[in-house]
Amino acid sequence: MSKVVLKVKFPGNCNGCELCVMEVQKQAGKIGLDGSLIRILRENDSGGLSFVVDMDPKVNEVDIEKIAKICPTGVFEIQDLVEENNGLLE
């Protein structure tokens, strides 16, 4: 059985809604944003406002399908590790 992981595929699509953060915190049984496995950071660049999605590798221990589905702009993708490593298992 291959392992699946959550990846940030389209970071430019992030609108900063933090629904993914709330879903992770809900699954972890935590209230608030402290210690979240996903953080959304605001970045001011010359072109305007953008967001950076920072993910802890431990995020793959929760239900990643729910996290990917809750994102309204499709930032995340679930990838198969075998596919990512060109068929080679580590």
N, C-alpha and C. Protein backbone atom coordinates (compact mmCIF):
# COMPACT_ATOMS: atom_id res chain seq x y z
N MET A 1 0.85 -1.19 0.00
CA MET A 1 0.00 0.00 0.00
C MET A 1 0.88 1.24 0.00
N SER A 2 0.60 2.16 -0.85
CA SER A 2 1.39 3.38 -0.94
C SER A 2 0.85 4.44 0.00
N LYS A 3 1.71 5.34 0.37
CA LYS A 3 1.34 6.41 1.29
C LYS A 3 0.93 7.65 0.49
N VAL A 4 -0.12 8.32 0.95
CA VAL A 4 -0.56 9.55 0.30
C VAL A 4 -0.24 10.73 1.22
N VAL A 5 0.11 11.84 0.61
CA VAL A 5 0.46 13.04 1.36
C VAL A 5 -0.25 14.24 0.78
N LEU A 6 -0.41 15.26 1.61
CA LEU A 6 -1.03 16.51 1.19
C LEU A 6 0.06 17.48 0.75
N LYS A 7 -0.07 18.03 -0.42
CA LYS A 7 0.91 18.98 -0.96
C LYS A 7 0.22 20.28 -1.34
N VAL A 8 0.95 21.38 -1.22
CA VAL A 8 0.47 22.68 -1.68
C VAL A 8 0.80 22.75 -3.16
N LYS A 9 -0.19 22.54 -4.00
CA LYS A 9 0.02 22.48 -5.45
C LYS A 9 -0.10 23.85 -6.11
N PHE A 10 -1.06 24.66 -5.66
CA PHE A 10 -1.30 25.96 -6.26
C PHE A 10 -1.29 27.05 -5.18
N PRO A 11 -0.12 27.41 -4.65
CA PRO A 11 -0.06 28.40 -3.57
C PRO A 11 -0.57 29.78 -3.98
N GLY A 12 -0.49 30.11 -5.24
CA GLY A 12 -0.96 31.40 -5.73
C GLY A 12 -2.47 31.55 -5.66
N ASN A 13 -3.19 30.43 -5.53
CA ASN A 13 -4.65 30.47 -5.44
C ASN A 13 -5.15 30.81 -4.04
N CYS A 14 -4.28 30.75 -3.03
CA CYS A 14 -4.71 30.94 -1.64
C CYS A 14 -5.25 32.35 -1.45
N ASN A 15 -6.48 32.43 -0.89
CA ASN A 15 -7.08 33.74 -0.64
C ASN A 15 -7.05 34.12 0.84
N GLY A 16 -6.39 33.30 1.67
CA GLY A 16 -6.23 33.61 3.08
C GLY A 16 -7.44 33.34 3.95
N CYS A 17 -8.37 32.51 3.51
CA CYS A 17 -9.60 32.26 4.26
C CYS A 17 -9.38 31.44 5.53
N GLU A 18 -8.32 30.66 5.59
CA GLU A 18 -7.93 29.82 6.72
C GLU A 18 -8.93 28.72 7.06
N LEU A 19 -9.74 28.31 6.09
CA LEU A 19 -10.64 27.18 6.33
C LEU A 19 -9.85 25.89 6.56
N CYS A 20 -8.72 25.75 5.88
CA CYS A 20 -7.88 24.57 6.08
C CYS A 20 -7.32 24.53 7.50
N VAL A 21 -6.96 25.69 8.02
CA VAL A 21 -6.45 25.79 9.38
C VAL A 21 -7.53 25.38 10.37
N MET A 22 -8.74 25.85 10.16
CA MET A 22 -9.84 25.51 11.05
C MET A 22 -10.16 24.02 11.00
N GLU A 23 -10.07 23.42 9.82
CA GLU A 23 -10.33 21.98 9.69
C GLU A 23 -9.26 21.17 10.43
N VAL A 24 -8.00 21.56 10.31
CA VAL A 24 -6.91 20.87 11.02
C VAL A 24 -7.10 20.99 12.52
N GLN A 25 -7.44 22.18 12.98
CA GLN A 25 -7.64 22.38 14.41
C GLN A 25 -8.84 21.60 14.92
N LYS A 26 -9.89 21.51 14.12
CA LYS A 26 -11.07 20.74 14.48
C LYS A 26 -10.71 19.26 14.64
N GLN A 27 -9.94 18.74 13.68
CA GLN A 27 -9.53 17.34 13.74
C GLN A 27 -8.61 17.07 14.93
N ALA A 28 -7.79 18.04 15.29
CA ALA A 28 -6.87 17.89 16.41
C ALA A 28 -7.57 18.14 17.75
N GLY A 29 -8.79 18.65 17.71
CA GLY A 29 -9.52 18.93 18.94
C GLY A 29 -9.00 20.15 19.68
N LYS A 30 -8.46 21.11 18.92
CA LYS A 30 -7.91 22.33 19.52
C LYS A 30 -8.77 23.53 19.18
N ILE A 31 -8.78 24.48 20.10
CA ILE A 31 -9.50 25.73 19.89
C ILE A 31 -8.46 26.82 19.66
N GLY A 32 -8.67 27.65 18.68
CA GLY A 32 -7.71 28.72 18.39
C GLY A 32 -6.69 28.31 17.34
N LEU A 33 -5.76 29.19 17.08
CA LEU A 33 -4.77 28.97 16.02
C LEU A 33 -3.42 28.49 16.54
N ASP A 34 -3.21 28.48 17.85
CA ASP A 34 -1.92 28.08 18.41
C ASP A 34 -1.63 26.62 18.13
N GLY A 35 -0.44 26.34 17.64
CA GLY A 35 0.01 24.98 17.40
C GLY A 35 -0.62 24.31 16.21
N SER A 36 -1.13 25.07 15.27
CA SER A 36 -1.77 24.50 14.09
C SER A 36 -0.74 23.86 13.16
N LEU A 37 -1.14 22.78 12.51
CA LEU A 37 -0.26 22.10 11.57
C LEU A 37 -0.19 22.82 10.22
N ILE A 38 -1.15 23.70 9.97
CA ILE A 38 -1.14 24.54 8.77
C ILE A 38 -1.24 25.99 9.21
N ARG A 39 -0.40 26.82 8.64
CA ARG A 39 -0.46 28.26 8.93
C ARG A 39 -0.53 29.01 7.62
N ILE A 40 -1.33 30.06 7.59
CA ILE A 40 -1.44 30.93 6.42
C ILE A 40 -0.77 32.25 6.80
N LEU A 41 0.27 32.58 6.06
CA LEU A 41 1.04 33.78 6.34
C LEU A 41 0.81 34.81 5.24
N ARG A 42 0.58 36.04 5.65
CA ARG A 42 0.36 37.12 4.68
C ARG A 42 1.72 37.64 4.24
N GLU A 43 1.84 37.87 2.95
CA GLU A 43 3.09 38.36 2.39
C GLU A 43 2.79 39.59 1.54
N ASN A 44 3.39 40.70 1.89
CA ASN A 44 3.22 41.92 1.11
C ASN A 44 4.37 42.02 0.12
N ASP A 45 4.04 41.91 -1.14
CA ASP A 45 5.07 42.09 -2.15
C ASP A 45 4.70 43.31 -3.00
N SER A 46 5.53 43.64 -3.94
CA SER A 46 5.31 44.84 -4.75
C SER A 46 4.05 44.74 -5.61
N GLY A 47 3.61 43.51 -5.89
CA GLY A 47 2.43 43.32 -6.72
C GLY A 47 1.12 43.32 -5.95
N GLY A 48 1.18 43.44 -4.65
CA GLY A 48 -0.03 43.43 -3.84
C GLY A 48 0.04 42.38 -2.75
N LEU A 49 -1.08 41.99 -2.26
CA LEU A 49 -1.19 41.05 -1.15
C LEU A 49 -1.21 39.61 -1.66
N SER A 50 -0.40 38.76 -1.04
CA SER A 50 -0.42 37.34 -1.35
C SER A 50 -0.27 36.55 -0.06
N PHE A 51 -0.50 35.25 -0.14
CA PHE A 51 -0.46 34.39 1.04
C PHE A 51 0.47 33.23 0.81
N VAL A 52 1.11 32.79 1.90
CA VAL A 52 2.00 31.64 1.88
C VAL A 52 1.39 30.58 2.78
N VAL A 53 1.33 29.35 2.28
CA VAL A 53 0.78 28.24 3.06
C VAL A 53 1.95 27.46 3.64
N ASP A 54 2.05 27.43 4.97
CA ASP A 54 3.12 26.74 5.68
C ASP A 54 2.53 25.49 6.32
N MET A 55 3.03 24.31 5.92
CA MET A 55 2.49 23.06 6.45
C MET A 55 3.54 22.28 7.22
N ASP A 56 3.15 21.79 8.38
CA ASP A 56 3.97 20.89 9.16
C ASP A 56 3.82 19.49 8.54
N PRO A 57 4.90 18.71 8.44
CA PRO A 57 4.78 17.36 7.87
C PRO A 57 3.82 16.45 8.64
N LYS A 58 3.55 16.77 9.90
CA LYS A 58 2.62 15.97 10.70
C LYS A 58 1.19 16.09 10.20
N VAL A 59 0.92 17.02 9.29
CA VAL A 59 -0.43 17.21 8.77
C VAL A 59 -0.91 15.94 8.07
N ASN A 60 0.00 15.11 7.61
CA ASN A 60 -0.37 13.89 6.91
C ASN A 60 -0.89 12.81 7.85
N GLU A 61 -0.90 13.07 9.15
CA GLU A 61 -1.43 12.12 10.13
C GLU A 61 -2.93 12.33 10.37
N VAL A 62 -3.49 13.40 9.84
CA VAL A 62 -4.93 13.67 10.00
C VAL A 62 -5.64 13.34 8.69
N ASP A 63 -6.93 13.58 8.62
CA ASP A 63 -7.71 13.28 7.41
C ASP A 63 -7.43 14.35 6.35
N ILE A 64 -6.46 14.07 5.49
CA ILE A 64 -6.03 15.06 4.50
C ILE A 64 -7.07 15.27 3.40
N GLU A 65 -7.92 14.29 3.18
CA GLU A 65 -8.96 14.45 2.16
C GLU A 65 -9.94 15.56 2.53
N LYS A 66 -10.29 15.64 3.81
CA LYS A 66 -11.20 16.70 4.26
C LYS A 66 -10.54 18.07 4.11
N ILE A 67 -9.25 18.14 4.39
CA ILE A 67 -8.54 19.41 4.27
C ILE A 67 -8.51 19.85 2.81
N ALA A 68 -8.20 18.94 1.91
CA ALA A 68 -8.15 19.27 0.48
C ALA A 68 -9.52 19.69 -0.04
N LYS A 69 -10.58 19.03 0.43
CA LYS A 69 -11.93 19.33 -0.05
C LYS A 69 -12.46 20.67 0.46
N ILE A 70 -12.04 21.07 1.67
CA ILE A 70 -12.60 22.28 2.27
C ILE A 70 -12.05 23.56 1.63
N CYS A 71 -10.93 23.47 0.94
CA CYS A 71 -10.31 24.65 0.33
C CYS A 71 -11.15 25.12 -0.86
N PRO A 72 -11.69 26.35 -0.80
CA PRO A 72 -12.55 26.82 -1.89
C PRO A 72 -11.80 27.15 -3.18
N THR A 73 -10.48 27.35 -3.10
CA THR A 73 -9.71 27.73 -4.29
C THR A 73 -8.82 26.62 -4.82
N GLY A 74 -8.86 25.44 -4.22
CA GLY A 74 -8.11 24.29 -4.73
C GLY A 74 -6.60 24.42 -4.59
N VAL A 75 -6.13 24.88 -3.45
CA VAL A 75 -4.69 25.06 -3.22
C VAL A 75 -3.98 23.71 -3.06
N PHE A 76 -4.66 22.74 -2.45
CA PHE A 76 -4.03 21.48 -2.08
C PHE A 76 -4.29 20.37 -3.09
N GLU A 77 -3.36 19.41 -3.07
CA GLU A 77 -3.50 18.21 -3.89
C GLU A 77 -3.01 17.03 -3.06
N ILE A 78 -3.69 15.91 -3.18
CA ILE A 78 -3.26 14.69 -2.50
C ILE A 78 -2.42 13.91 -3.49
N GLN A 79 -1.17 13.62 -3.10
CA GLN A 79 -0.26 12.91 -3.99
C GLN A 79 0.15 11.58 -3.39
N ASP A 80 0.41 10.64 -4.27
CA ASP A 80 0.90 9.33 -3.89
C ASP A 80 2.42 9.39 -3.84
N LEU A 81 3.03 8.95 -2.74
CA LEU A 81 4.49 9.03 -2.61
C LEU A 81 5.21 8.20 -3.66
N VAL A 82 4.64 7.07 -4.06
CA VAL A 82 5.26 6.24 -5.09
C VAL A 82 5.32 7.03 -6.39
N GLU A 83 4.23 7.71 -6.71
CA GLU A 83 4.17 8.53 -7.92
C GLU A 83 5.17 9.68 -7.86
N GLU A 84 5.30 10.30 -6.68
CA GLU A 84 6.19 11.43 -6.51
C GLU A 84 7.66 11.03 -6.66
N ASN A 85 8.00 9.83 -6.21
CA ASN A 85 9.39 9.35 -6.27
C ASN A 85 9.66 8.54 -7.53
N ASN A 86 8.84 8.70 -8.55
CA ASN A 86 8.99 8.01 -9.83
C ASN A 86 9.02 6.50 -9.65
N GLY A 87 8.17 5.99 -8.78
CA GLY A 87 8.05 4.56 -8.60
C GLY A 87 9.04 3.97 -7.62
N LEU A 88 9.91 4.75 -7.05
CA LEU A 88 10.91 4.25 -6.11
C LEU A 88 10.45 4.51 -4.69
N LEU A 89 10.43 3.48 -3.90
CA LEU A 89 10.10 3.63 -2.49
C LEU A 89 11.35 3.92 -1.70
N GLU A 90 11.21 4.80 -0.72
CA GLU A 90 12.37 5.12 0.10
C GLU A 90 12.46 4.17 1.26
